[in-house]
Amino acid sequence: MAKDKPPRRPRAETPKGFRDYRGAEVTERAEMLAAIARVYHRYGFDALETSAGGHRVARG
């Protein structure tokens, strides 16, 4: 009788879309996101925070 192989582990990957922002770029990005948030709030939407570290493969 053949032995069962252990389940394969997911391959480690660097999360996509993560980068550093500095100086004026931080300010511009914050202002842009605030403007977008104002529009959403105007139409009755509430803010939603979610984990940035979730990775599809790691969650299984």
PDB file of N, CA and C in Angstrom:
ATOM      1  N   MET A   1       0.835  -1.163   0.000  1.00  0.00           N
ATOM      2  CA  MET A   1       0.000   0.000   0.000  1.00  0.00           C
ATOM      3  C   MET A   1       0.893   1.245   0.000  1.00  0.00           C
ATOM      4  N   ALA A   2       0.578   2.227  -0.852  1.00  0.00           N
ATOM      5  CA  ALA A   2       1.385   3.450  -0.976  1.00  0.00           C
ATOM      6  C   ALA A   2       1.140   4.385   0.202  1.00  0.00           C
ATOM      7  N   LYS A   3       2.219   5.045   0.609  1.00  0.00           N
ATOM      8  CA  LYS A   3       2.075   6.028   1.691  1.00  0.00           C
ATOM      9  C   LYS A   3       1.449   7.307   1.163  1.00  0.00           C
ATOM     10  N   ASP A   4       0.603   7.929   1.980  1.00  0.00           N
ATOM     11  CA  ASP A   4       0.011   9.214   1.607  1.00  0.00           C
ATOM     12  C   ASP A   4       1.068  10.298   1.728  1.00  0.00           C
ATOM     13  N   LYS A   5       1.130  11.180   0.735  1.00  0.00           N
ATOM     14  CA  LYS A   5       2.076  12.280   0.783  1.00  0.00           C
ATOM     15  C   LYS A   5       1.496  13.395   1.660  1.00  0.00           C
ATOM     16  N   PRO A   6       2.349  14.084   2.423  1.00  0.00           N
ATOM     17  CA  PRO A   6       1.842  15.206   3.218  1.00  0.00           C
ATOM     18  C   PRO A   6       1.350  16.318   2.287  1.00  0.00           C
ATOM     19  N   PRO A   7       0.392  17.123   2.738  1.00  0.00           N
ATOM     20  CA  PRO A   7      -0.118  18.201   1.872  1.00  0.00           C
ATOM     21  C   PRO A   7       0.994  19.194   1.530  1.00  0.00           C
ATOM     22  N   ARG A   8       0.947  19.730   0.315  1.00  0.00           N
ATOM     23  CA  ARG A   8       1.950  20.690  -0.111  1.00  0.00           C
ATOM     24  C   ARG A   8       1.734  22.022   0.595  1.00  0.00           C
ATOM     25  N   ARG A   9       2.814  22.630   1.047  1.00  0.00           N
ATOM     26  CA  ARG A   9       2.745  23.934   1.698  1.00  0.00           C
ATOM     27  C   ARG A   9       2.741  25.026   0.636  1.00  0.00           C
ATOM     28  N   PRO A  10       1.994  26.105   0.877  1.00  0.00           N
ATOM     29  CA  PRO A  10       2.015  27.201  -0.092  1.00  0.00           C
ATOM     30  C   PRO A  10       3.402  27.825  -0.183  1.00  0.00           C
ATOM     31  N   ARG A  11       3.760  28.284  -1.351  1.00  0.00           N
ATOM     32  CA  ARG A  11       5.045  28.930  -1.568  1.00  0.00           C
ATOM     33  C   ARG A  11       4.999  30.347  -1.008  1.00  0.00           C
ATOM     34  N   ALA A  12       6.020  30.770  -0.302  1.00  0.00           N
ATOM     35  CA  ALA A  12       6.083  32.115   0.267  1.00  0.00           C
ATOM     36  C   ALA A  12       6.256  33.133  -0.855  1.00  0.00           C
ATOM     37  N   GLU A  13       5.457  34.200  -0.813  1.00  0.00           N
ATOM     38  CA  GLU A  13       5.535  35.260  -1.812  1.00  0.00           C
ATOM     39  C   GLU A  13       5.510  36.607  -1.123  1.00  0.00           C
ATOM     40  N   THR A  14       6.177  37.563  -1.706  1.00  0.00           N
ATOM     41  CA  THR A  14       6.118  38.926  -1.208  1.00  0.00           C
ATOM     42  C   THR A  14       4.757  39.504  -1.566  1.00  0.00           C
ATOM     43  N   PRO A  15       4.059  40.126  -0.599  1.00  0.00           N
ATOM     44  CA  PRO A  15       2.759  40.725  -0.923  1.00  0.00           C
ATOM     45  C   PRO A  15       2.900  41.775  -2.020  1.00  0.00           C
ATOM     46  N   LYS A  16       1.973  41.783  -2.943  1.00  0.00           N
ATOM     47  CA  LYS A  16       2.010  42.732  -4.052  1.00  0.00           C
ATOM     48  C   LYS A  16       1.364  44.048  -3.631  1.00  0.00           C
ATOM     49  N   GLY A  17       1.842  45.147  -4.187  1.00  0.00           N
ATOM     50  CA  GLY A  17       1.218  46.438  -3.975  1.00  0.00           C
ATOM     51  C   GLY A  17       1.701  47.204  -2.763  1.00  0.00           C
ATOM     52  N   PHE A  18       2.719  46.732  -2.069  1.00  0.00           N
ATOM     53  CA  PHE A  18       3.239  47.438  -0.904  1.00  0.00           C
ATOM     54  C   PHE A  18       4.462  48.240  -1.316  1.00  0.00           C
ATOM     55  N   ARG A  19       4.466  49.522  -0.952  1.00  0.00           N
ATOM     56  CA  ARG A  19       5.623  50.354  -1.226  1.00  0.00           C
ATOM     57  C   ARG A  19       5.660  51.486  -0.215  1.00  0.00           C
ATOM     58  N   ASP A  20       6.774  52.174  -0.153  1.00  0.00           N
ATOM     59  CA  ASP A  20       6.932  53.303   0.760  1.00  0.00           C
ATOM     60  C   ASP A  20       6.584  54.601   0.047  1.00  0.00           C
ATOM     61  N   TYR A  21       5.931  55.508   0.772  1.00  0.00           N
ATOM     62  CA  TYR A  21       5.621  56.840   0.270  1.00  0.00           C
ATOM     63  C   TYR A  21       6.360  57.847   1.133  1.00  0.00           C
ATOM     64  N   ARG A  22       6.876  58.910   0.528  1.00  0.00           N
ATOM     65  CA  ARG A  22       7.653  59.902   1.270  1.00  0.00           C
ATOM     66  C   ARG A  22       7.219  61.319   0.896  1.00  0.00           C
ATOM     67  N   GLY A  23       7.441  62.243   1.851  1.00  0.00           N
ATOM     68  CA  GLY A  23       7.302  63.679   1.635  1.00  0.00           C
ATOM     69  C   GLY A  23       6.009  64.122   0.984  1.00  0.00           C
ATOM     70  N   ALA A  24       6.155  64.882  -0.098  1.00  0.00           N
ATOM     71  CA  ALA A  24       5.003  65.463  -0.789  1.00  0.00           C
ATOM     72  C   ALA A  24       4.052  64.386  -1.298  1.00  0.00           C
ATOM     73  N   GLU A  25       4.600  63.244  -1.647  1.00  0.00           N
ATOM     74  CA  GLU A  25       3.758  62.155  -2.136  1.00  0.00           C
ATOM     75  C   GLU A  25       2.781  61.683  -1.056  1.00  0.00           C
ATOM     76  N   VAL A  26       3.216  61.693   0.203  1.00  0.00           N
ATOM     77  CA  VAL A  26       2.346  61.313   1.319  1.00  0.00           C
ATOM     78  C   VAL A  26       1.192  62.299   1.433  1.00  0.00           C
ATOM     79  N   THR A  27       1.518  63.600   1.353  1.00  0.00           N
ATOM     80  CA  THR A  27       0.495  64.636   1.456  1.00  0.00           C
ATOM     81  C   THR A  27      -0.498  64.540   0.309  1.00  0.00           C
ATOM     82  N   GLU A  28      -0.007  64.399  -0.910  1.00  0.00           N
ATOM     83  CA  GLU A  28      -0.888  64.296  -2.079  1.00  0.00           C
ATOM     84  C   GLU A  28      -1.787  63.075  -1.979  1.00  0.00           C
ATOM     85  N   ARG A  29      -1.226  61.977  -1.546  1.00  0.00           N
ATOM     86  CA  ARG A  29      -2.006  60.736  -1.419  1.00  0.00           C
ATOM     87  C   ARG A  29      -3.082  60.884  -0.352  1.00  0.00           C
ATOM     88  N   ALA A  30      -2.732  61.492   0.780  1.00  0.00           N
ATOM     89  CA  ALA A  30      -3.707  61.685   1.863  1.00  0.00           C
ATOM     90  C   ALA A  30      -4.838  62.603   1.413  1.00  0.00           C
ATOM     91  N   GLU A  31      -4.504  63.677   0.679  1.00  0.00           N
ATOM     92  CA  GLU A  31      -5.529  64.595   0.187  1.00  0.00           C
ATOM     93  C   GLU A  31      -6.449  63.912  -0.820  1.00  0.00           C
ATOM     94  N   MET A  32      -5.884  63.096  -1.694  1.00  0.00           N
ATOM     95  CA  MET A  32      -6.686  62.376  -2.679  1.00  0.00           C
ATOM     96  C   MET A  32      -7.641  61.403  -1.989  1.00  0.00           C
ATOM     97  N   LEU A  33      -7.118  60.642  -1.012  1.00  0.00           N
ATOM     98  CA  LEU A  33      -7.970  59.684  -0.303  1.00  0.00           C
ATOM     99  C   LEU A  33      -9.051  60.393   0.513  1.00  0.00           C
ATOM    100  N   ALA A  34      -8.730  61.568   1.079  1.00  0.00           N
ATOM    101  CA  ALA A  34      -9.724  62.340   1.821  1.00  0.00           C
ATOM    102  C   ALA A  34     -10.832  62.831   0.893  1.00  0.00           C
ATOM    103  N   ALA A  35     -10.468  63.264  -0.309  1.00  0.00           N
ATOM    104  CA  ALA A  35     -11.469  63.716  -1.281  1.00  0.00           C
ATOM    105  C   ALA A  35     -12.394  62.569  -1.684  1.00  0.00           C
ATOM    106  N   ILE A  36     -11.815  61.405  -1.902  1.00  0.00           N
ATOM    107  CA  ILE A  36     -12.627  60.228  -2.247  1.00  0.00           C
ATOM    108  C   ILE A  36     -13.554  59.881  -1.093  1.00  0.00           C
ATOM    109  N   ALA A  37     -13.029  59.908   0.137  1.00  0.00           N
ATOM    110  CA  ALA A  37     -13.842  59.588   1.315  1.00  0.00           C
ATOM    111  C   ALA A  37     -14.998  60.567   1.466  1.00  0.00           C
ATOM    112  N   ARG A  38     -14.768  61.868   1.189  1.00  0.00           N
ATOM    113  CA  ARG A  38     -15.849  62.863   1.289  1.00  0.00           C
ATOM    114  C   ARG A  38     -16.996  62.523   0.344  1.00  0.00           C
ATOM    115  N   VAL A  39     -16.666  62.090  -0.865  1.00  0.00           N
ATOM    116  CA  VAL A  39     -17.719  61.727  -1.829  1.00  0.00           C
ATOM    117  C   VAL A  39     -18.508  60.526  -1.319  1.00  0.00           C
ATOM    118  N   TYR A  40     -17.806  59.519  -0.837  1.00  0.00           N
ATOM    119  CA  TYR A  40     -18.495  58.342  -0.305  1.00  0.00           C
ATOM    120  C   TYR A  40     -19.395  58.714   0.876  1.00  0.00           C
ATOM    121  N   HIS A  41     -18.888  59.540   1.789  1.00  0.00           N
ATOM    122  CA  HIS A  41     -19.684  59.955   2.955  1.00  0.00           C
ATOM    123  C   HIS A  41     -20.905  60.757   2.525  1.00  0.00           C
ATOM    124  N   ARG A  42     -20.747  61.577   1.487  1.00  0.00           N
ATOM    125  CA  ARG A  42     -21.864  62.383   0.976  1.00  0.00           C
ATOM    126  C   ARG A  42     -23.021  61.492   0.547  1.00  0.00           C
ATOM    127  N   TYR A  43     -22.716  60.303   0.050  1.00  0.00           N
ATOM    128  CA  TYR A  43     -23.753  59.383  -0.408  1.00  0.00           C
ATOM    129  C   TYR A  43     -24.108  58.329   0.634  1.00  0.00           C
ATOM    130  N   GLY A  44     -23.693  58.558   1.878  1.00  0.00           N
ATOM    131  CA  GLY A  44     -24.134  57.717   2.976  1.00  0.00           C
ATOM    132  C   GLY A  44     -23.281  56.498   3.289  1.00  0.00           C
ATOM    133  N   PHE A  45     -22.131  56.373   2.675  1.00  0.00           N
ATOM    134  CA  PHE A  45     -21.271  55.229   2.958  1.00  0.00           C
ATOM    135  C   PHE A  45     -20.416  55.496   4.191  1.00  0.00           C
ATOM    136  N   ASP A  46     -20.103  54.461   4.935  1.00  0.00           N
ATOM    137  CA  ASP A  46     -19.234  54.553   6.100  1.00  0.00           C
ATOM    138  C   ASP A  46     -17.865  53.969   5.757  1.00  0.00           C
ATOM    139  N   ALA A  47     -16.869  54.377   6.529  1.00  0.00           N
ATOM    140  CA  ALA A  47     -15.508  53.875   6.319  1.00  0.00           C
ATOM    141  C   ALA A  47     -15.428  52.395   6.679  1.00  0.00           C
ATOM    142  N   LEU A  48     -14.518  51.697   6.038  1.00  0.00           N
ATOM    143  CA  LEU A  48     -14.283  50.283   6.302  1.00  0.00           C
ATOM    144  C   LEU A  48     -12.775  50.056   6.350  1.00  0.00           C
ATOM    145  N   GLU A  49     -12.288  49.516   7.437  1.00  0.00           N
ATOM    146  CA  GLU A  49     -10.873  49.170   7.567  1.00  0.00           C
ATOM    147  C   GLU A  49     -10.735  47.666   7.379  1.00  0.00           C
ATOM    148  N   THR A  50      -9.698  47.267   6.668  1.00  0.00           N
ATOM    149  CA  THR A  50      -9.453  45.854   6.435  1.00  0.00           C
ATOM    150  C   THR A  50      -7.961  45.564   6.589  1.00  0.00           C
ATOM    151  N   SER A  51      -7.630  44.340   6.884  1.00  0.00           N
ATOM    152  CA  SER A  51      -6.239  43.945   7.065  1.00  0.00           C
ATOM    153  C   SER A  51      -5.487  44.051   5.746  1.00  0.00           C
ATOM    154  N   ALA A  52      -4.342  44.703   5.781  1.00  0.00           N
ATOM    155  CA  ALA A  52      -3.534  44.830   4.572  1.00  0.00           C
ATOM    156  C   ALA A  52      -2.647  43.611   4.371  1.00  0.00           C
ATOM    157  N   GLY A  53      -2.505  42.769   5.382  1.00  0.00           N
ATOM    158  CA  GLY A  53      -1.590  41.635   5.298  1.00  0.00           C
ATOM    159  C   GLY A  53      -2.209  40.356   4.775  1.00  0.00           C
ATOM    160  N   GLY A  54      -3.489  40.349   4.526  1.00  0.00           N
ATOM    161  CA  GLY A  54      -4.129  39.124   4.078  1.00  0.00           C
ATOM    162  C   GLY A  54      -3.652  38.728   2.686  1.00  0.00           C
ATOM    163  N   HIS A  55      -3.292  37.514   2.526  1.00  0.00           N
ATOM    164  CA  HIS A  55      -2.824  37.015   1.224  1.00  0.00           C
ATOM    165  C   HIS A  55      -3.646  35.782   0.889  1.00  0.00           C
ATOM    166  N   ARG A  56      -4.163  35.746  -0.313  1.00  0.00           N
ATOM    167  CA  ARG A  56      -5.093  34.691  -0.710  1.00  0.00           C
ATOM    168  C   ARG A  56      -4.537  33.298  -0.442  1.00  0.00           C
ATOM    169  N   VAL A  57      -3.299  33.042  -0.790  1.00  0.00           N
ATOM    170  CA  VAL A  57      -2.722  31.704  -0.617  1.00  0.00           C
ATOM    171  C   VAL A  57      -2.555  31.392   0.864  1.00  0.00           C
ATOM    172  N   ALA A  58      -2.124  32.359   1.652  1.00  0.00           N
ATOM    173  CA  ALA A  58      -1.879  32.122   3.065  1.00  0.00           C
ATOM    174  C   ALA A  58      -3.170  31.818   3.821  1.00  0.00           C
ATOM    175  N   ARG A  59      -4.288  32.354   3.345  1.00  0.00           N
ATOM    176  CA  ARG A  59      -5.566  32.108   4.039  1.00  0.00           C
ATOM    177  C   ARG A  59      -6.106  30.714   3.747  1.00  0.00           C
ATOM    178  N   GLY A  60      -5.606  30.084   2.705  1.00  0.00           N
ATOM    179  CA  GLY A  60      -6.036  28.737   2.404  1.00  0.00           C
ATOM    180  C   GLY A  60      -7.251  28.745   1.627  1.00  0.00           C
TER     181      GLY A  60
END
